[in-house]
Amino acid sequence: RQHREEADSRRLDAEMKKASADERAAR
């Protein structure tokens, strides 16, 4: 359960960073 929570947290963080990078690239 702890590993899944860590994986989810890291996945969400990665998605946020990717979205931010995509926005900067579009800009």
PDB file of all heavy atoms in Angstrom:
ATOM      1  N   ARG A   1       0.840  -1.207   0.000  1.00  0.00           N
ATOM      2  CA  ARG A   1       0.000   0.000   0.000  1.00  0.00           C
ATOM      3  C   ARG A   1       0.877   1.259   0.000  1.00  0.00           C
ATOM      4  O   ARG A   1       0.626   2.208  -0.737  1.00  0.00           O
ATOM      5  CB  ARG A   1      -0.921  -0.016   1.223  1.00  0.00           C
ATOM      6  CG  ARG A   1      -1.996   1.033   1.214  1.00  0.00           C
ATOM      7  CD  ARG A   1      -2.941   0.909   2.427  1.00  0.00           C
ATOM      8  NE  ARG A   1      -3.423  -0.460   2.642  1.00  0.00           N
ATOM      9  CZ  ARG A   1      -3.143  -1.200   3.734  1.00  0.00           C
ATOM     10  NH1 ARG A   1      -2.407  -0.710   4.700  1.00  0.00           N
ATOM     11  NH2 ARG A   1      -3.626  -2.416   3.841  1.00  0.00           N
ATOM     12  N   GLN A   2       1.918   1.245   0.814  1.00  0.00           N
ATOM     13  CA  GLN A   2       2.834   2.388   0.860  1.00  0.00           C
ATOM     14  C   GLN A   2       3.517   2.599  -0.486  1.00  0.00           C
ATOM     15  O   GLN A   2       3.669   3.733  -0.945  1.00  0.00           O
ATOM     16  CB  GLN A   2       3.871   2.192   1.962  1.00  0.00           C
ATOM     17  CG  GLN A   2       3.307   2.285   3.359  1.00  0.00           C
ATOM     18  CD  GLN A   2       4.314   1.867   4.420  1.00  0.00           C
ATOM     19  OE1 GLN A   2       5.348   1.296   4.121  1.00  0.00           O
ATOM     20  NE2 GLN A   2       3.982   2.148   5.676  1.00  0.00           N
ATOM     21  N   HIS A   3       3.932   1.501  -1.109  1.00  0.00           N
ATOM     22  CA  HIS A   3       4.573   1.606  -2.426  1.00  0.00           C
ATOM     23  C   HIS A   3       3.600   2.160  -3.469  1.00  0.00           C
ATOM     24  O   HIS A   3       3.979   2.977  -4.305  1.00  0.00           O
ATOM     25  CB  HIS A   3       5.118   0.249  -2.875  1.00  0.00           C
ATOM     26  CG  HIS A   3       6.402  -0.128  -2.214  1.00  0.00           C
ATOM     27  ND1 HIS A   3       7.624   0.379  -2.584  1.00  0.00           N
ATOM     28  CD2 HIS A   3       6.653  -0.959  -1.176  1.00  0.00           C
ATOM     29  CE1 HIS A   3       8.565  -0.130  -1.825  1.00  0.00           C
ATOM     30  NE2 HIS A   3       8.000  -0.945  -0.956  1.00  0.00           N
ATOM     31  N   ARG A   4       2.345   1.715  -3.419  1.00  0.00           N
ATOM     32  CA  ARG A   4       1.350   2.227  -4.369  1.00  0.00           C
ATOM     33  C   ARG A   4       1.112   3.723  -4.161  1.00  0.00           C
ATOM     34  O   ARG A   4       0.998   4.486  -5.117  1.00  0.00           O
ATOM     35  CB  ARG A   4       0.039   1.468  -4.217  1.00  0.00           C
ATOM     36  CG  ARG A   4       0.061   0.096  -4.847  1.00  0.00           C
ATOM     37  CD  ARG A   4      -1.321  -0.564  -4.841  1.00  0.00           C
ATOM     38  NE  ARG A   4      -1.192  -1.966  -5.151  1.00  0.00           N
ATOM     39  CZ  ARG A   4      -1.151  -2.938  -4.251  1.00  0.00           C
ATOM     40  NH1 ARG A   4      -1.252  -2.673  -2.968  1.00  0.00           N
ATOM     41  NH2 ARG A   4      -1.016  -4.189  -4.624  1.00  0.00           N
ATOM     42  N   GLU A   5       1.028   4.127  -2.890  1.00  0.00           N
ATOM     43  CA  GLU A   5       0.828   5.550  -2.606  1.00  0.00           C
ATOM     44  C   GLU A   5       2.015   6.368  -3.095  1.00  0.00           C
ATOM     45  O   GLU A   5       1.842   7.448  -3.674  1.00  0.00           O
ATOM     46  CB  GLU A   5       0.617   5.758  -1.104  1.00  0.00           C
ATOM     47  CG  GLU A   5      -0.718   5.250  -0.605  1.00  0.00           C
ATOM     48  CD  GLU A   5      -0.831   5.276   0.918  1.00  0.00           C
ATOM     49  OE1 GLU A   5       0.137   5.697   1.592  1.00  0.00           O
ATOM     50  OE2 GLU A   5      -1.892   4.885   1.428  1.00  0.00           O
ATOM     51  N   GLU A   6       3.216   5.863  -2.892  1.00  0.00           N
ATOM     52  CA  GLU A   6       4.414   6.563  -3.372  1.00  0.00           C
ATOM     53  C   GLU A   6       4.410   6.634  -4.897  1.00  0.00           C
ATOM     54  O   GLU A   6       4.731   7.664  -5.490  1.00  0.00           O
ATOM     55  CB  GLU A   6       5.673   5.839  -2.871  1.00  0.00           C
ATOM     56  CG  GLU A   6       6.967   6.449  -3.341  1.00  0.00           C
ATOM     57  CD  GLU A   6       7.271   7.787  -2.686  1.00  0.00           C
ATOM     58  OE1 GLU A   6       6.692   8.105  -1.638  1.00  0.00           O
ATOM     59  OE2 GLU A   6       8.081   8.534  -3.266  1.00  0.00           O
ATOM     60  N   ALA A   7       4.020   5.534  -5.539  1.00  0.00           N
ATOM     61  CA  ALA A   7       3.962   5.504  -7.003  1.00  0.00           C
ATOM     62  C   ALA A   7       2.936   6.509  -7.511  1.00  0.00           C
ATOM     63  O   ALA A   7       3.195   7.247  -8.473  1.00  0.00           O
ATOM     64  CB  ALA A   7       3.631   4.100  -7.497  1.00  0.00           C
ATOM     65  N   ASP A   8       1.769   6.555  -6.869  1.00  0.00           N
ATOM     66  CA  ASP A   8       0.733   7.517  -7.278  1.00  0.00           C
ATOM     67  C   ASP A   8       1.225   8.948  -7.103  1.00  0.00           C
ATOM     68  O   ASP A   8       1.012   9.795  -7.965  1.00  0.00           O
ATOM     69  CB  ASP A   8      -0.549   7.309  -6.471  1.00  0.00           C
ATOM     70  CG  ASP A   8      -1.317   6.075  -6.893  1.00  0.00           C
ATOM     71  OD1 ASP A   8      -1.039   5.558  -8.002  1.00  0.00           O
ATOM     72  OD2 ASP A   8      -2.185   5.627  -6.118  1.00  0.00           O
ATOM     73  N   SER A   9       1.870   9.203  -5.980  1.00  0.00           N
ATOM     74  CA  SER A   9       2.384  10.545  -5.717  1.00  0.00           C
ATOM     75  C   SER A   9       3.406  10.950  -6.774  1.00  0.00           C
ATOM     76  O   SER A   9       3.371  12.059  -7.313  1.00  0.00           O
ATOM     77  CB  SER A   9       3.020  10.583  -4.322  1.00  0.00           C
ATOM     78  OG  SER A   9       3.637  11.813  -4.092  1.00  0.00           O
ATOM     79  N   ARG A  10       4.311  10.043  -7.075  1.00  0.00           N
ATOM     80  CA  ARG A  10       5.338  10.350  -8.082  1.00  0.00           C
ATOM     81  C   ARG A  10       4.731  10.503  -9.474  1.00  0.00           C
ATOM     82  O   ARG A  10       5.150  11.351 -10.251  1.00  0.00           O
ATOM     83  CB  ARG A  10       6.413   9.267  -8.088  1.00  0.00           C
ATOM     84  CG  ARG A  10       7.299   9.322  -6.861  1.00  0.00           C
ATOM     85  CD  ARG A  10       8.351   8.216  -6.879  1.00  0.00           C
ATOM     86  NE  ARG A  10       9.149   8.260  -5.688  1.00  0.00           N
ATOM     87  CZ  ARG A  10      10.343   8.833  -5.615  1.00  0.00           C
ATOM     88  NH1 ARG A  10      10.850   9.430  -6.666  1.00  0.00           N
ATOM     89  NH2 ARG A  10      11.019   8.811  -4.489  1.00  0.00           N
ATOM     90  N   ARG A  11       3.710   9.679  -9.779  1.00  0.00           N
ATOM     91  CA  ARG A  11       3.057   9.780 -11.088  1.00  0.00           C
ATOM     92  C   ARG A  11       2.367  11.138 -11.232  1.00  0.00           C
ATOM     93  O   ARG A  11       2.496  11.806 -12.261  1.00  0.00           O
ATOM     94  CB  ARG A  11       2.041   8.648 -11.253  1.00  0.00           C
ATOM     95  CG  ARG A  11       1.310   8.663 -12.597  1.00  0.00           C
ATOM     96  CD  ARG A  11       0.221   7.586 -12.659  1.00  0.00           C
ATOM     97  NE  ARG A  11      -0.689   7.602 -11.534  1.00  0.00           N
ATOM     98  CZ  ARG A  11      -1.713   8.443 -11.389  1.00  0.00           C
ATOM     99  NH1 ARG A  11      -1.948   9.349 -12.303  1.00  0.00           N
ATOM    100  NH2 ARG A  11      -2.489   8.377 -10.323  1.00  0.00           N
ATOM    101  N   LEU A  12       1.658  11.558 -10.185  1.00  0.00           N
ATOM    102  CA  LEU A  12       0.989  12.858 -10.237  1.00  0.00           C
ATOM    103  C   LEU A  12       1.997  13.989 -10.360  1.00  0.00           C
ATOM    104  O   LEU A  12       1.789  14.943 -11.120  1.00  0.00           O
ATOM    105  CB  LEU A  12       0.130  13.052  -8.981  1.00  0.00           C
ATOM    106  CG  LEU A  12      -1.118  12.185  -8.897  1.00  0.00           C
ATOM    107  CD1 LEU A  12      -1.790  12.359  -7.540  1.00  0.00           C
ATOM    108  CD2 LEU A  12      -2.082  12.513 -10.015  1.00  0.00           C
ATOM    109  N   ASP A  13       3.099  13.884  -9.631  1.00  0.00           N
ATOM    110  CA  ASP A  13       4.144  14.911  -9.711  1.00  0.00           C
ATOM    111  C   ASP A  13       4.724  14.965 -11.121  1.00  0.00           C
ATOM    112  O   ASP A  13       4.919  16.047 -11.689  1.00  0.00           O
ATOM    113  CB  ASP A  13       5.245  14.608  -8.689  1.00  0.00           C
ATOM    114  CG  ASP A  13       6.261  15.716  -8.591  1.00  0.00           C
ATOM    115  OD1 ASP A  13       5.854  16.900  -8.529  1.00  0.00           O
ATOM    116  OD2 ASP A  13       7.475  15.411  -8.560  1.00  0.00           O
ATOM    117  N   ALA A  14       4.962  13.797 -11.699  1.00  0.00           N
ATOM    118  CA  ALA A  14       5.501  13.745 -13.058  1.00  0.00           C
ATOM    119  C   ALA A  14       4.508  14.331 -14.062  1.00  0.00           C
ATOM    120  O   ALA A  14       4.905  15.055 -14.987  1.00  0.00           O
ATOM    121  CB  ALA A  14       5.852  12.304 -13.435  1.00  0.00           C
ATOM    122  N   GLU A  15       3.228  14.034 -13.889  1.00  0.00           N
ATOM    123  CA  GLU A  15       2.216  14.585 -14.801  1.00  0.00           C
ATOM    124  C   GLU A  15       2.145  16.101 -14.694  1.00  0.00           C
ATOM    125  O   GLU A  15       2.005  16.796 -15.703  1.00  0.00           O
ATOM    126  CB  GLU A  15       0.849  13.969 -14.498  1.00  0.00           C
ATOM    127  CG  GLU A  15       0.721  12.529 -14.954  1.00  0.00           C
ATOM    128  CD  GLU A  15      -0.612  11.908 -14.568  1.00  0.00           C
ATOM    129  OE1 GLU A  15      -1.464  12.607 -13.983  1.00  0.00           O
ATOM    130  OE2 GLU A  15      -0.793  10.711 -14.854  1.00  0.00           O
ATOM    131  N   MET A  16       2.249  16.610 -13.464  1.00  0.00           N
ATOM    132  CA  MET A  16       2.224  18.065 -13.283  1.00  0.00           C
ATOM    133  C   MET A  16       3.450  18.707 -13.933  1.00  0.00           C
ATOM    134  O   MET A  16       3.346  19.740 -14.604  1.00  0.00           O
ATOM    135  CB  MET A  16       2.166  18.411 -11.793  1.00  0.00           C
ATOM    136  CG  MET A  16       0.821  18.133 -11.167  1.00  0.00           C
ATOM    137  SD  MET A  16       0.720  18.334  -9.368  1.00  0.00           S
ATOM    138  CE  MET A  16       1.726  19.744  -9.045  1.00  0.00           C
ATOM    139  N   LYS A  17       4.611  18.089 -13.766  1.00  0.00           N
ATOM    140  CA  LYS A  17       5.829  18.633 -14.373  1.00  0.00           C
ATOM    141  C   LYS A  17       5.744  18.584 -15.895  1.00  0.00           C
ATOM    142  O   LYS A  17       6.169  19.515 -16.569  1.00  0.00           O
ATOM    143  CB  LYS A  17       7.052  17.868 -13.881  1.00  0.00           C
ATOM    144  CG  LYS A  17       7.416  18.200 -12.456  1.00  0.00           C
ATOM    145  CD  LYS A  17       8.631  17.426 -11.987  1.00  0.00           C
ATOM    146  CE  LYS A  17       8.955  17.785 -10.550  1.00  0.00           C
ATOM    147  NZ  LYS A  17      10.085  17.018 -10.028  1.00  0.00           N
ATOM    148  N   LYS A  18       5.186  17.497 -16.426  1.00  0.00           N
ATOM    149  CA  LYS A  18       5.047  17.386 -17.880  1.00  0.00           C
ATOM    150  C   LYS A  18       4.082  18.441 -18.406  1.00  0.00           C
ATOM    151  O   LYS A  18       4.344  19.075 -19.433  1.00  0.00           O
ATOM    152  CB  LYS A  18       4.569  15.995 -18.264  1.00  0.00           C
ATOM    153  CG  LYS A  18       4.484  15.809 -19.779  1.00  0.00           C
ATOM    154  CD  LYS A  18       4.193  14.402 -20.148  1.00  0.00           C
ATOM    155  CE  LYS A  18       4.130  14.147 -21.631  1.00  0.00           C
ATOM    156  NZ  LYS A  18       4.010  15.241 -22.529  1.00  0.00           N
ATOM    157  N   ALA A  19       2.967  18.639 -17.707  1.00  0.00           N
ATOM    158  CA  ALA A  19       1.995  19.648 -18.133  1.00  0.00           C
ATOM    159  C   ALA A  19       2.638  21.032 -18.112  1.00  0.00           C
ATOM    160  O   ALA A  19       2.444  21.831 -19.036  1.00  0.00           O
ATOM    161  CB  ALA A  19       0.765  19.616 -17.230  1.00  0.00           C
ATOM    162  N   SER A  20       3.422  21.298 -17.081  1.00  0.00           N
ATOM    163  CA  SER A  20       4.104  22.586 -16.989  1.00  0.00           C
ATOM    164  C   SER A  20       5.103  22.752 -18.134  1.00  0.00           C
ATOM    165  O   SER A  20       5.184  23.815 -18.754  1.00  0.00           O
ATOM    166  CB  SER A  20       4.819  22.690 -15.640  1.00  0.00           C
ATOM    167  OG  SER A  20       5.532  23.886 -15.548  1.00  0.00           O
ATOM    168  N   ALA A  21       5.849  21.695 -18.409  1.00  0.00           N
ATOM    169  CA  ALA A  21       6.808  21.747 -19.510  1.00  0.00           C
ATOM    170  C   ALA A  21       6.092  21.929 -20.843  1.00  0.00           C
ATOM    171  O   ALA A  21       6.559  22.685 -21.711  1.00  0.00           O
ATOM    172  CB  ALA A  21       7.654  20.470 -19.528  1.00  0.00           C
ATOM    173  N   ASP A  22       4.973  21.246 -21.028  1.00  0.00           N
ATOM    174  CA  ASP A  22       4.201  21.395 -22.261  1.00  0.00           C
ATOM    175  C   ASP A  22       3.701  22.837 -22.413  1.00  0.00           C
ATOM    176  O   ASP A  22       3.731  23.391 -23.512  1.00  0.00           O
ATOM    177  CB  ASP A  22       3.016  20.437 -22.283  1.00  0.00           C
ATOM    178  CG  ASP A  22       3.434  18.980 -22.459  1.00  0.00           C
ATOM    179  OD1 ASP A  22       4.608  18.738 -22.835  1.00  0.00           O
ATOM    180  OD2 ASP A  22       2.592  18.098 -22.209  1.00  0.00           O
ATOM    181  N   GLU A  23       3.249  23.418 -21.297  1.00  0.00           N
ATOM    182  CA  GLU A  23       2.787  24.809 -21.357  1.00  0.00           C
ATOM    183  C   GLU A  23       3.933  25.750 -21.724  1.00  0.00           C
ATOM    184  O   GLU A  23       3.759  26.656 -22.550  1.00  0.00           O
ATOM    185  CB  GLU A  23       2.197  25.223 -20.009  1.00  0.00           C
ATOM    186  CG  GLU A  23       0.860  24.604 -19.706  1.00  0.00           C
ATOM    187  CD  GLU A  23       0.383  24.930 -18.296  1.00  0.00           C
ATOM    188  OE1 GLU A  23       1.004  25.784 -17.625  1.00  0.00           O
ATOM    189  OE2 GLU A  23      -0.613  24.330 -17.866  1.00  0.00           O
ATOM    190  N   ARG A  24       5.107  25.521 -21.117  1.00  0.00           N
ATOM    191  CA  ARG A  24       6.266  26.376 -21.444  1.00  0.00           C
ATOM    192  C   ARG A  24       6.677  26.207 -22.906  1.00  0.00           C
ATOM    193  O   ARG A  24       7.010  27.182 -23.579  1.00  0.00           O
ATOM    194  CB  ARG A  24       7.438  26.053 -20.519  1.00  0.00           C
ATOM    195  CG  ARG A  24       7.256  26.578 -19.108  1.00  0.00           C
ATOM    196  CD  ARG A  24       8.545  26.571 -18.307  1.00  0.00           C
ATOM    197  NE  ARG A  24       9.274  25.315 -18.326  1.00  0.00           N
ATOM    198  CZ  ARG A  24       9.073  24.298 -17.508  1.00  0.00           C
ATOM    199  NH1 ARG A  24       8.144  24.372 -16.585  1.00  0.00           N
ATOM    200  NH2 ARG A  24       9.801  23.203 -17.597  1.00  0.00           N
ATOM    201  N   ALA A  25       6.634  24.977 -23.392  1.00  0.00           N
ATOM    202  CA  ALA A  25       6.987  24.728 -24.790  1.00  0.00           C
ATOM    203  C   ALA A  25       5.993  25.410 -25.724  1.00  0.00           C
ATOM    204  O   ALA A  25       6.387  26.011 -26.730  1.00  0.00           O
ATOM    205  CB  ALA A  25       7.042  23.224 -25.061  1.00  0.00           C
ATOM    206  N   ALA A  26       4.708  25.327 -25.396  1.00  0.00           N
ATOM    207  CA  ALA A  26       3.690  25.981 -26.229  1.00  0.00           C
ATOM    208  C   ALA A  26       3.888  27.498 -26.207  1.00  0.00           C
ATOM    209  O   ALA A  26       3.776  28.156 -27.247  1.00  0.00           O
ATOM    210  CB  ALA A  26       2.285  25.620 -25.731  1.00  0.00           C
ATOM    211  N   ARG A  27       4.187  28.029 -25.024  1.00  0.00           N
ATOM    212  CA  ARG A  27       4.431  29.475 -24.915  1.00  0.00           C
ATOM    213  C   ARG A  27       5.656  29.870 -25.752  1.00  0.00           C
ATOM    214  O   ARG A  27       5.638  30.878 -26.465  1.00  0.00           O
ATOM    215  CB  ARG A  27       4.651  29.855 -23.446  1.00  0.00           C
ATOM    216  CG  ARG A  27       4.687  31.339 -23.212  1.00  0.00           C
ATOM    217  CD  ARG A  27       4.832  31.722 -21.737  1.00  0.00           C
ATOM    218  NE  ARG A  27       4.082  30.873 -20.837  1.00  0.00           N
ATOM    219  CZ  ARG A  27       4.621  30.116 -19.867  1.00  0.00           C
ATOM    220  NH1 ARG A  27       5.933  30.116 -19.689  1.00  0.00           N
ATOM    221  NH2 ARG A  27       3.872  29.368 -19.092  1.00  0.00           N
TER     222      ARG A  27
END
